[in-house]
Amino acid sequence: LLPEKLSEGQVRAALTAVQKRIFTNPTNFNAEGFLTIGFAGKQPELGDSYSNNGSMYLTSECFLALGLPATDSFWTAPAADWTSKKAFANNKFPKDYAVNY
């Protein structure tokens, strides 16, 4: 259900970069191995009154693609740069808008 301007390879490459950044940073986890509040490491000052350790587990939705077969185009499409990567490289990119599914 991706918007037409987002390719599967672009989304896969972006999710992979985010997952590597989160799961290789040891400060993203407490002594018991649970996720901590933060964007790129332990940053509790970024939390809101509704944030708690359970909120971080919404990140597990990024693993939904693991249910797709290895032959699915999500896995076989060529990797592509995502919007922010294009923007910071001074490349052209389509403007992003909110989507309603």
PDB file of N, CA and C in Angstrom:
ATOM      1  N   LEU A   1       0.814  -1.199   0.000  1.00  0.00           N
ATOM      2  CA  LEU A   1       0.000   0.000   0.000  1.00  0.00           C
ATOM      3  C   LEU A   1       0.856   1.261   0.000  1.00  0.00           C
ATOM      4  N   LEU A   2       2.016   1.187  -0.605  1.00  0.00           N
ATOM      5  CA  LEU A   2       2.883   2.363  -0.645  1.00  0.00           C
ATOM      6  C   LEU A   2       2.364   3.376  -1.660  1.00  0.00           C
ATOM      7  N   PRO A   3       2.559   4.669  -1.375  1.00  0.00           N
ATOM      8  CA  PRO A   3       2.247   5.671  -2.397  1.00  0.00           C
ATOM      9  C   PRO A   3       3.085   5.386  -3.642  1.00  0.00           C
ATOM     10  N   GLU A   4       2.566   5.709  -4.800  1.00  0.00           N
ATOM     11  CA  GLU A   4       3.247   5.388  -6.060  1.00  0.00           C
ATOM     12  C   GLU A   4       4.666   5.929  -6.133  1.00  0.00           C
ATOM     13  N   LYS A   5       4.912   7.102  -5.547  1.00  0.00           N
ATOM     14  CA  LYS A   5       6.247   7.701  -5.673  1.00  0.00           C
ATOM     15  C   LYS A   5       7.292   7.070  -4.751  1.00  0.00           C
ATOM     16  N   LEU A   6       6.870   6.144  -3.877  1.00  0.00           N
ATOM     17  CA  LEU A   6       7.813   5.436  -3.018  1.00  0.00           C
ATOM     18  C   LEU A   6       7.981   4.015  -3.517  1.00  0.00           C
ATOM     19  N   SER A   7       9.193   3.699  -3.920  1.00  0.00           N
ATOM     20  CA  SER A   7       9.438   2.340  -4.403  1.00  0.00           C
ATOM     21  C   SER A   7       9.695   1.404  -3.235  1.00  0.00           C
ATOM     22  N   GLU A   8       9.466   0.130  -3.461  1.00  0.00           N
ATOM     23  CA  GLU A   8       9.726  -0.859  -2.418  1.00  0.00           C
ATOM     24  C   GLU A   8      11.204  -0.871  -2.034  1.00  0.00           C
ATOM     25  N   GLY A   9      12.076  -0.719  -3.032  1.00  0.00           N
ATOM     26  CA  GLY A   9      13.512  -0.687  -2.761  1.00  0.00           C
ATOM     27  C   GLY A   9      13.907   0.510  -1.916  1.00  0.00           C
ATOM     28  N   GLN A  10      13.235   1.630  -2.132  1.00  0.00           N
ATOM     29  CA  GLN A  10      13.495   2.842  -1.356  1.00  0.00           C
ATOM     30  C   GLN A  10      13.074   2.636   0.100  1.00  0.00           C
ATOM     31  N   VAL A  11      11.907   2.089   0.304  1.00  0.00           N
ATOM     32  CA  VAL A  11      11.402   1.860   1.654  1.00  0.00           C
ATOM     33  C   VAL A  11      12.252   0.818   2.366  1.00  0.00           C
ATOM     34  N   ARG A  12      12.600  -0.258   1.680  1.00  0.00           N
ATOM     35  CA  ARG A  12      13.428  -1.302   2.283  1.00  0.00           C
ATOM     36  C   ARG A  12      14.785  -0.735   2.693  1.00  0.00           C
ATOM     37  N   ALA A  13      15.404   0.046   1.831  1.00  0.00           N
ATOM     38  CA  ALA A  13      16.718   0.619   2.134  1.00  0.00           C
ATOM     39  C   ALA A  13      16.635   1.579   3.326  1.00  0.00           C
ATOM     40  N   ALA A  14      15.588   2.378   3.382  1.00  0.00           N
ATOM     41  CA  ALA A  14      15.427   3.309   4.502  1.00  0.00           C
ATOM     42  C   ALA A  14      15.184   2.566   5.804  1.00  0.00           C
ATOM     43  N   LEU A  15      14.300   1.563   5.775  1.00  0.00           N
ATOM     44  CA  LEU A  15      14.032   0.785   6.990  1.00  0.00           C
ATOM     45  C   LEU A  15      15.291   0.066   7.474  1.00  0.00           C
ATOM     46  N   THR A  16      16.071  -0.448   6.560  1.00  0.00           N
ATOM     47  CA  THR A  16      17.308  -1.142   6.929  1.00  0.00           C
ATOM     48  C   THR A  16      18.271  -0.178   7.609  1.00  0.00           C
ATOM     49  N   ALA A  17      18.407   1.029   7.074  1.00  0.00           N
ATOM     50  CA  ALA A  17      19.301   2.028   7.675  1.00  0.00           C
ATOM     51  C   ALA A  17      18.835   2.405   9.076  1.00  0.00           C
ATOM     52  N   VAL A  18      17.545   2.591   9.246  1.00  0.00           N
ATOM     53  CA  VAL A  18      17.002   2.934  10.564  1.00  0.00           C
ATOM     54  C   VAL A  18      17.209   1.787  11.541  1.00  0.00           C
ATOM     55  N   GLN A  19      16.911   0.574  11.117  1.00  0.00           N
ATOM     56  CA  GLN A  19      17.075  -0.584  12.001  1.00  0.00           C
ATOM     57  C   GLN A  19      18.530  -0.750  12.422  1.00  0.00           C
ATOM     58  N   LYS A  20      19.458  -0.586  11.495  1.00  0.00           N
ATOM     59  CA  LYS A  20      20.880  -0.698  11.849  1.00  0.00           C
ATOM     60  C   LYS A  20      21.260   0.366  12.865  1.00  0.00           C
ATOM     61  N   ARG A  21      20.755   1.584  12.665  1.00  0.00           N
ATOM     62  CA  ARG A  21      21.080   2.688  13.572  1.00  0.00           C
ATOM     63  C   ARG A  21      20.523   2.432  14.968  1.00  0.00           C
ATOM     64  N   ILE A  22      19.314   1.932  15.041  1.00  0.00           N
ATOM     65  CA  ILE A  22      18.685   1.687  16.340  1.00  0.00           C
ATOM     66  C   ILE A  22      19.302   0.484  17.040  1.00  0.00           C
ATOM     67  N   PHE A  23      19.383  -0.638  16.352  1.00  0.00           N
ATOM     68  CA  PHE A  23      19.727  -1.884  17.024  1.00  0.00           C
ATOM     69  C   PHE A  23      21.223  -2.104  17.209  1.00  0.00           C
ATOM     70  N   THR A  24      22.072  -1.243  16.653  1.00  0.00           N
ATOM     71  CA  THR A  24      23.510  -1.350  16.913  1.00  0.00           C
ATOM     72  C   THR A  24      23.980  -0.353  17.961  1.00  0.00           C
ATOM     73  N   ASN A  25      23.095   0.525  18.429  1.00  0.00           N
ATOM     74  CA  ASN A  25      23.452   1.512  19.448  1.00  0.00           C
ATOM     75  C   ASN A  25      23.104   0.941  20.819  1.00  0.00           C
ATOM     76  N   PRO A  26      24.101   0.603  21.634  1.00  0.00           N
ATOM     77  CA  PRO A  26      23.803  -0.030  22.917  1.00  0.00           C
ATOM     78  C   PRO A  26      23.039   0.874  23.882  1.00  0.00           C
ATOM     79  N   THR A  27      23.080   2.200  23.712  1.00  0.00           N
ATOM     80  CA  THR A  27      22.348   3.077  24.625  1.00  0.00           C
ATOM     81  C   THR A  27      20.849   3.089  24.316  1.00  0.00           C
ATOM     82  N   ASN A  28      20.429   2.409  23.261  1.00  0.00           N
ATOM     83  CA  ASN A  28      19.004   2.274  22.974  1.00  0.00           C
ATOM     84  C   ASN A  28      18.351   1.228  23.866  1.00  0.00           C
ATOM     85  N   PHE A  29      19.145   0.521  24.652  1.00  0.00           N
ATOM     86  CA  PHE A  29      18.632  -0.554  25.494  1.00  0.00           C
ATOM     87  C   PHE A  29      19.067  -0.348  26.939  1.00  0.00           C
ATOM     88  N   ASN A  30      18.198  -0.705  27.872  1.00  0.00           N
ATOM     89  CA  ASN A  30      18.565  -0.615  29.281  1.00  0.00           C
ATOM     90  C   ASN A  30      19.320  -1.879  29.699  1.00  0.00           C
ATOM     91  N   ALA A  31      19.664  -1.975  30.970  1.00  0.00           N
ATOM     92  CA  ALA A  31      20.454  -3.107  31.459  1.00  0.00           C
ATOM     93  C   ALA A  31      19.746  -4.448  31.280  1.00  0.00           C
ATOM     94  N   GLU A  32      18.406  -4.410  31.228  1.00  0.00           N
ATOM     95  CA  GLU A  32      17.642  -5.638  31.039  1.00  0.00           C
ATOM     96  C   GLU A  32      17.405  -5.957  29.568  1.00  0.00           C
ATOM     97  N   GLY A  33      17.896  -5.102  28.674  1.00  0.00           N
ATOM     98  CA  GLY A  33      17.744  -5.345  27.244  1.00  0.00           C
ATOM     99  C   GLY A  33      16.494  -4.760  26.625  1.00  0.00           C
ATOM    100  N   PHE A  34      15.737  -3.942  27.368  1.00  0.00           N
ATOM    101  CA  PHE A  34      14.535  -3.324  26.833  1.00  0.00           C
ATOM    102  C   PHE A  34      14.867  -1.991  26.188  1.00  0.00           C
ATOM    103  N   LEU A  35      14.106  -1.611  25.154  1.00  0.00           N
ATOM    104  CA  LEU A  35      14.317  -0.329  24.502  1.00  0.00           C
ATOM    105  C   LEU A  35      14.104   0.822  25.470  1.00  0.00           C
ATOM    106  N   THR A  36      14.891   1.882  25.285  1.00  0.00           N
ATOM    107  CA  THR A  36      14.756   3.090  26.092  1.00  0.00           C
ATOM    108  C   THR A  36      14.111   4.183  25.241  1.00  0.00           C
ATOM    109  N   ILE A  37      13.672   5.234  25.887  1.00  0.00           N
ATOM    110  CA  ILE A  37      13.091   6.364  25.160  1.00  0.00           C
ATOM    111  C   ILE A  37      14.218   7.144  24.502  1.00  0.00           C
ATOM    112  N   GLY A  38      14.075   7.401  23.222  1.00  0.00           N
ATOM    113  CA  GLY A  38      15.073   8.162  22.493  1.00  0.00           C
ATOM    114  C   GLY A  38      14.933   7.946  21.003  1.00  0.00           C
ATOM    115  N   PHE A  39      15.584   8.774  20.257  1.00  0.00           N
ATOM    116  CA  PHE A  39      15.521   8.725  18.804  1.00  0.00           C
ATOM    117  C   PHE A  39      16.718   7.976  18.252  1.00  0.00           C
ATOM    118  N   ALA A  40      17.902   8.347  18.738  1.00  0.00           N
ATOM    119  CA  ALA A  40      19.131   7.703  18.291  1.00  0.00           C
ATOM    120  C   ALA A  40      20.013   7.445  19.500  1.00  0.00           C
ATOM    121  N   GLY A  41      19.494   6.697  20.421  1.00  0.00           N
ATOM    122  CA  GLY A  41      20.172   6.427  21.669  1.00  0.00           C
ATOM    123  C   GLY A  41      19.252   6.770  22.822  1.00  0.00           C
ATOM    124  N   LYS A  42      19.768   6.669  24.031  1.00  0.00           N
ATOM    125  CA  LYS A  42      18.959   6.988  25.212  1.00  0.00           C
ATOM    126  C   LYS A  42      18.825   8.502  25.307  1.00  0.00           C
ATOM    127  N   GLN A  43      17.623   8.996  25.057  1.00  0.00           N
ATOM    128  CA  GLN A  43      17.339  10.434  25.082  1.00  0.00           C
ATOM    129  C   GLN A  43      15.995  10.654  25.788  1.00  0.00           C
ATOM    130  N   PRO A  44      15.924  10.400  27.086  1.00  0.00           N
ATOM    131  CA  PRO A  44      14.651  10.486  27.794  1.00  0.00           C
ATOM    132  C   PRO A  44      14.003  11.868  27.732  1.00  0.00           C
ATOM    133  N   GLU A  45      14.797  12.896  27.507  1.00  0.00           N
ATOM    134  CA  GLU A  45      14.244  14.258  27.413  1.00  0.00           C
ATOM    135  C   GLU A  45      13.329  14.424  26.201  1.00  0.00           C
ATOM    136  N   LEU A  46      13.391  13.496  25.257  1.00  0.00           N
ATOM    137  CA  LEU A  46      12.508  13.556  24.091  1.00  0.00           C
ATOM    138  C   LEU A  46      11.148  12.933  24.358  1.00  0.00           C
ATOM    139  N   GLY A  47      11.005  12.254  25.480  1.00  0.00           N
ATOM    140  CA  GLY A  47       9.749  11.585  25.802  1.00  0.00           C
ATOM    141  C   GLY A  47       8.650  12.573  26.145  1.00  0.00           C
ATOM    142  N   ASP A  48       7.435  12.192  25.862  1.00  0.00           N
ATOM    143  CA  ASP A  48       6.256  12.956  26.245  1.00  0.00           C
ATOM    144  C   ASP A  48       5.544  12.217  27.363  1.00  0.00           C
ATOM    145  N   SER A  49       4.514  12.844  27.912  1.00  0.00           N
ATOM    146  CA  SER A  49       3.810  12.225  29.036  1.00  0.00           C
ATOM    147  C   SER A  49       3.209  10.870  28.662  1.00  0.00           C
ATOM    148  N   TYR A  50       2.934  10.646  27.405  1.00  0.00           N
ATOM    149  CA  TYR A  50       2.341   9.380  26.970  1.00  0.00           C
ATOM    150  C   TYR A  50       3.396   8.356  26.549  1.00  0.00           C
ATOM    151  N   SER A  51       4.670   8.744  26.546  1.00  0.00           N
ATOM    152  CA  SER A  51       5.739   7.815  26.159  1.00  0.00           C
ATOM    153  C   SER A  51       6.073   6.897  27.322  1.00  0.00           C
ATOM    154  N   ASN A  52       6.249   5.660  27.011  1.00  0.00           N
ATOM    155  CA  ASN A  52       6.723   4.694  27.986  1.00  0.00           C
ATOM    156  C   ASN A  52       7.435   3.596  27.220  1.00  0.00           C
ATOM    157  N   ASN A  53       8.033   2.670  27.913  1.00  0.00           N
ATOM    158  CA  ASN A  53       8.786   1.625  27.213  1.00  0.00           C
ATOM    159  C   ASN A  53       7.931   0.849  26.227  1.00  0.00           C
ATOM    160  N   GLY A  54       6.643   0.681  26.496  1.00  0.00           N
ATOM    161  CA  GLY A  54       5.768  -0.009  25.552  1.00  0.00           C
ATOM    162  C   GLY A  54       5.627   0.738  24.246  1.00  0.00           C
ATOM    163  N   SER A  55       5.694   2.069  24.302  1.00  0.00           N
ATOM    164  CA  SER A  55       5.555   2.867  23.084  1.00  0.00           C
ATOM    165  C   SER A  55       6.646   2.548  22.070  1.00  0.00           C
ATOM    166  N   MET A  56       7.845   2.283  22.566  1.00  0.00           N
ATOM    167  CA  MET A  56       8.944   1.996  21.651  1.00  0.00           C
ATOM    168  C   MET A  56       8.722   0.705  20.882  1.00  0.00           C
ATOM    169  N   TYR A  57       7.886  -0.164  21.416  1.00  0.00           N
ATOM    170  CA  TYR A  57       7.667  -1.433  20.750  1.00  0.00           C
ATOM    171  C   TYR A  57       6.742  -1.310  19.552  1.00  0.00           C
ATOM    172  N   LEU A  58       6.220  -0.118  19.320  1.00  0.00           N
ATOM    173  CA  LEU A  58       5.527   0.129  18.055  1.00  0.00           C
ATOM    174  C   LEU A  58       6.524   0.014  16.909  1.00  0.00           C
ATOM    175  N   THR A  59       7.814   0.158  17.222  1.00  0.00           N
ATOM    176  CA  THR A  59       8.842  -0.005  16.202  1.00  0.00           C
ATOM    177  C   THR A  59       8.831  -1.410  15.615  1.00  0.00           C
ATOM    178  N   SER A  60       8.225  -2.345  16.326  1.00  0.00           N
ATOM    179  CA  SER A  60       8.191  -3.717  15.814  1.00  0.00           C
ATOM    180  C   SER A  60       7.421  -3.812  14.504  1.00  0.00           C
ATOM    181  N   GLU A  61       6.601  -2.807  14.204  1.00  0.00           N
ATOM    182  CA  GLU A  61       5.874  -2.814  12.933  1.00  0.00           C
ATOM    183  C   GLU A  61       6.830  -2.792  11.744  1.00  0.00           C
ATOM    184  N   CYS A  62       8.048  -2.294  11.950  1.00  0.00           N
ATOM    185  CA  CYS A  62       9.002  -2.266  10.842  1.00  0.00           C
ATOM    186  C   CYS A  62       9.435  -3.667  10.444  1.00  0.00           C
ATOM    187  N   PHE A  63       9.102  -4.674  11.258  1.00  0.00           N
ATOM    188  CA  PHE A  63       9.457  -6.052  10.945  1.00  0.00           C
ATOM    189  C   PHE A  63       8.354  -6.802  10.207  1.00  0.00           C
ATOM    190  N   LEU A  64       7.238  -6.147   9.928  1.00  0.00           N
ATOM    191  CA  LEU A  64       6.139  -6.820   9.236  1.00  0.00           C
ATOM    192  C   LEU A  64       6.571  -7.409   7.901  1.00  0.00           C
ATOM    193  N   ALA A  65       7.490  -6.741   7.231  1.00  0.00           N
ATOM    194  CA  ALA A  65       7.940  -7.226   5.926  1.00  0.00           C
ATOM    195  C   ALA A  65       8.612  -8.592   6.028  1.00  0.00           C
ATOM    196  N   LEU A  66       9.058  -8.974   7.208  1.00  0.00           N
ATOM    197  CA  LEU A  66       9.680 -10.293   7.369  1.00  0.00           C
ATOM    198  C   LEU A  66       8.694 -11.421   7.086  1.00  0.00           C
ATOM    199  N   GLY A  67       7.406 -11.111   7.088  1.00  0.00           N
ATOM    200  CA  GLY A  67       6.398 -12.106   6.756  1.00  0.00           C
ATOM    201  C   GLY A  67       6.228 -12.315   5.269  1.00  0.00           C
ATOM    202  N   LEU A  68       6.861 -11.496   4.456  1.00  0.00           N
ATOM    203  CA  LEU A  68       6.772 -11.641   3.002  1.00  0.00           C
ATOM    204  C   LEU A  68       7.751 -12.704   2.523  1.00  0.00           C
ATOM    205  N   PRO A  69       7.387 -13.459   1.498  1.00  0.00           N
ATOM    206  CA  PRO A  69       8.322 -14.464   0.982  1.00  0.00           C
ATOM    207  C   PRO A  69       9.563 -13.800   0.379  1.00  0.00           C
ATOM    208  N   ALA A  70      10.651 -14.528   0.350  1.00  0.00           N
ATOM    209  CA  ALA A  70      11.913 -13.994  -0.181  1.00  0.00           C
ATOM    210  C   ALA A  70      11.795 -13.568  -1.638  1.00  0.00           C
ATOM    211  N   THR A  71      10.816 -14.101  -2.347  1.00  0.00           N
ATOM    212  CA  THR A  71      10.635 -13.769  -3.758  1.00  0.00           C
ATOM    213  C   THR A  71       9.782 -12.521  -3.967  1.00  0.00           C
ATOM    214  N   ASP A  72       9.220 -11.962  -2.887  1.00  0.00           N
ATOM    215  CA  ASP A  72       8.376 -10.773  -3.014  1.00  0.00           C
ATOM    216  C   ASP A  72       9.201  -9.593  -3.537  1.00  0.00           C
ATOM    217  N   SER A  73       8.550  -8.738  -4.315  1.00  0.00           N
ATOM    218  CA  SER A  73       9.261  -7.593  -4.898  1.00  0.00           C
ATOM    219  C   SER A  73       9.803  -6.640  -3.841  1.00  0.00           C
ATOM    220  N   PHE A  74       9.246  -6.663  -2.628  1.00  0.00           N
ATOM    221  CA  PHE A  74       9.799  -5.830  -1.556  1.00  0.00           C
ATOM    222  C   PHE A  74      11.260  -6.182  -1.318  1.00  0.00           C
ATOM    223  N   TRP A  75      11.598  -7.467  -1.425  1.00  0.00           N
ATOM    224  CA  TRP A  75      12.970  -7.928  -1.198  1.00  0.00           C
ATOM    225  C   TRP A  75      13.816  -7.909  -2.462  1.00  0.00           C
ATOM    226  N   THR A  76      13.197  -8.085  -3.617  1.00  0.00           N
ATOM    227  CA  THR A  76      13.975  -8.219  -4.851  1.00  0.00           C
ATOM    228  C   THR A  76      14.155  -6.913  -5.607  1.00  0.00           C
ATOM    229  N   ALA A  77      13.355  -5.886  -5.299  1.00  0.00           N
ATOM    230  CA  ALA A  77      13.499  -4.588  -5.981  1.00  0.00           C
ATOM    231  C   ALA A  77      14.866  -3.993  -5.638  1.00  0.00           C
ATOM    232  N   PRO A  78      15.487  -3.310  -6.592  1.00  0.00           N
ATOM    233  CA  PRO A  78      16.791  -2.704  -6.310  1.00  0.00           C
ATOM    234  C   PRO A  78      16.675  -1.657  -5.198  1.00  0.00           C
ATOM    235  N   ALA A  79      17.685  -1.588  -4.353  1.00  0.00           N
ATOM    236  CA  ALA A  79      17.708  -0.566  -3.299  1.00  0.00           C
ATOM    237  C   ALA A  79      17.748   0.807  -3.947  1.00  0.00           C
ATOM    238  N   ALA A  80      17.139   1.785  -3.302  1.00  0.00           N
ATOM    239  CA  ALA A  80      17.096   3.156  -3.825  1.00  0.00           C
ATOM    240  C   ALA A  80      17.203   4.134  -2.667  1.00  0.00           C
ATOM    241  N   ASP A  81      17.716   5.317  -2.951  1.00  0.00           N
ATOM    242  CA  ASP A  81      17.798   6.357  -1.930  1.00  0.00           C
ATOM    243  C   ASP A  81      16.404   6.810  -1.526  1.00  0.00           C
ATOM    244  N   TRP A  82      16.220   7.120  -0.242  1.00  0.00           N
ATOM    245  CA  TRP A  82      14.939   7.601   0.266  1.00  0.00           C
ATOM    246  C   TRP A  82      14.968   9.122   0.305  1.00  0.00           C
ATOM    247  N   THR A  83      13.849   9.716   0.615  1.00  0.00           N
ATOM    248  CA  THR A  83      13.674  11.166   0.490  1.00  0.00           C
ATOM    249  C   THR A  83      14.738  11.974   1.227  1.00  0.00           C
ATOM    250  N   SER A  84      14.945  11.711   2.511  1.00  0.00           N
ATOM    251  CA  SER A  84      15.902  12.525   3.254  1.00  0.00           C
ATOM    252  C   SER A  84      17.325  12.341   2.739  1.00  0.00           C
ATOM    253  N   LYS A  85      17.651  11.150   2.293  1.00  0.00           N
ATOM    254  CA  LYS A  85      18.982  10.910   1.734  1.00  0.00           C
ATOM    255  C   LYS A  85      19.157  11.714   0.444  1.00  0.00           C
ATOM    256  N   LYS A  86      18.125  11.738  -0.395  1.00  0.00           N
ATOM    257  CA  LYS A  86      18.172  12.545  -1.613  1.00  0.00           C
ATOM    258  C   LYS A  86      18.283  14.032  -1.270  1.00  0.00           C
ATOM    259  N   ALA A  87      17.490  14.472  -0.298  1.00  0.00           N
ATOM    260  CA  ALA A  87      17.478  15.891   0.066  1.00  0.00           C
ATOM    261  C   ALA A  87      18.837  16.363   0.565  1.00  0.00           C
ATOM    262  N   PHE A  88      19.450  15.595   1.471  1.00  0.00           N
ATOM    263  CA  PHE A  88      20.728  16.013   2.034  1.00  0.00           C
ATOM    264  C   PHE A  88      21.893  15.832   1.068  1.00  0.00           C
ATOM    265  N   ALA A  89      21.672  15.123  -0.020  1.00  0.00           N
ATOM    266  CA  ALA A  89      22.696  14.996  -1.060  1.00  0.00           C
ATOM    267  C   ALA A  89      22.485  16.043  -2.152  1.00  0.00           C
ATOM    268  N   ASN A  90      21.511  16.941  -1.929  1.00  0.00           N
ATOM    269  CA  ASN A  90      21.186  17.999  -2.886  1.00  0.00           C
ATOM    270  C   ASN A  90      20.685  17.431  -4.216  1.00  0.00           C
ATOM    271  N   ASN A  91      19.979  16.312  -4.139  1.00  0.00           N
ATOM    272  CA  ASN A  91      19.375  15.703  -5.325  1.00  0.00           C
ATOM    273  C   ASN A  91      17.889  16.049  -5.364  1.00  0.00           C
ATOM    274  N   LYS A  92      17.303  15.954  -6.538  1.00  0.00           N
ATOM    275  CA  LYS A  92      15.874  16.201  -6.662  1.00  0.00           C
ATOM    276  C   LYS A  92      15.096  15.058  -6.025  1.00  0.00           C
ATOM    277  N   PHE A  93      13.949  15.401  -5.444  1.00  0.00           N
ATOM    278  CA  PHE A  93      13.097  14.400  -4.817  1.00  0.00           C
ATOM    279  C   PHE A  93      11.666  14.914  -4.814  1.00  0.00           C
ATOM    280  N   PRO A  94      10.701  13.994  -4.862  1.00  0.00           N
ATOM    281  CA  PRO A  94       9.306  14.426  -4.796  1.00  0.00           C
ATOM    282  C   PRO A  94       8.946  14.859  -3.386  1.00  0.00           C
ATOM    283  N   LYS A  95       8.161  15.895  -3.274  1.00  0.00           N
ATOM    284  CA  LYS A  95       7.730  16.380  -1.971  1.00  0.00           C
ATOM    285  C   LYS A  95       6.815  15.342  -1.324  1.00  0.00           C
ATOM    286  N   ASP A  96       7.047  15.081  -0.064  1.00  0.00           N
ATOM    287  CA  ASP A  96       6.240  14.096   0.666  1.00  0.00           C
ATOM    288  C   ASP A  96       4.978  14.761   1.212  1.00  0.00           C
ATOM    289  N   TYR A  97       3.906  14.007   1.224  1.00  0.00           N
ATOM    290  CA  TYR A  97       2.639  14.457   1.794  1.00  0.00           C
ATOM    291  C   TYR A  97       2.097  13.366   2.689  1.00  0.00           C
ATOM    292  N   ALA A  98       1.225  13.748   3.591  1.00  0.00           N
ATOM    293  CA  ALA A  98       0.547  12.748   4.422  1.00  0.00           C
ATOM    294  C   ALA A  98      -0.275  11.835   3.537  1.00  0.00           C
ATOM    295  N   VAL A  99      -0.404  10.603   3.958  1.00  0.00           N
ATOM    296  CA  VAL A  99      -1.225   9.642   3.198  1.00  0.00           C
ATOM    297  C   VAL A  99      -2.362   9.170   4.089  1.00  0.00           C
ATOM    298  N   ASN A 100      -3.456   8.842   3.460  1.00  0.00           N
ATOM    299  CA  ASN A 100      -4.599   8.268   4.164  1.00  0.00           C
ATOM    300  C   ASN A 100      -4.865   6.900   3.587  1.00  0.00           C
ATOM    301  N   TYR A 101      -4.653   5.877   4.380  1.00  0.00           N
ATOM    302  CA  TYR A 101      -4.871   4.516   3.914  1.00  0.00           C
ATOM    303  C   TYR A 101      -6.250   4.064   4.277  1.00  0.00           C
TER     304      TYR A 101
END
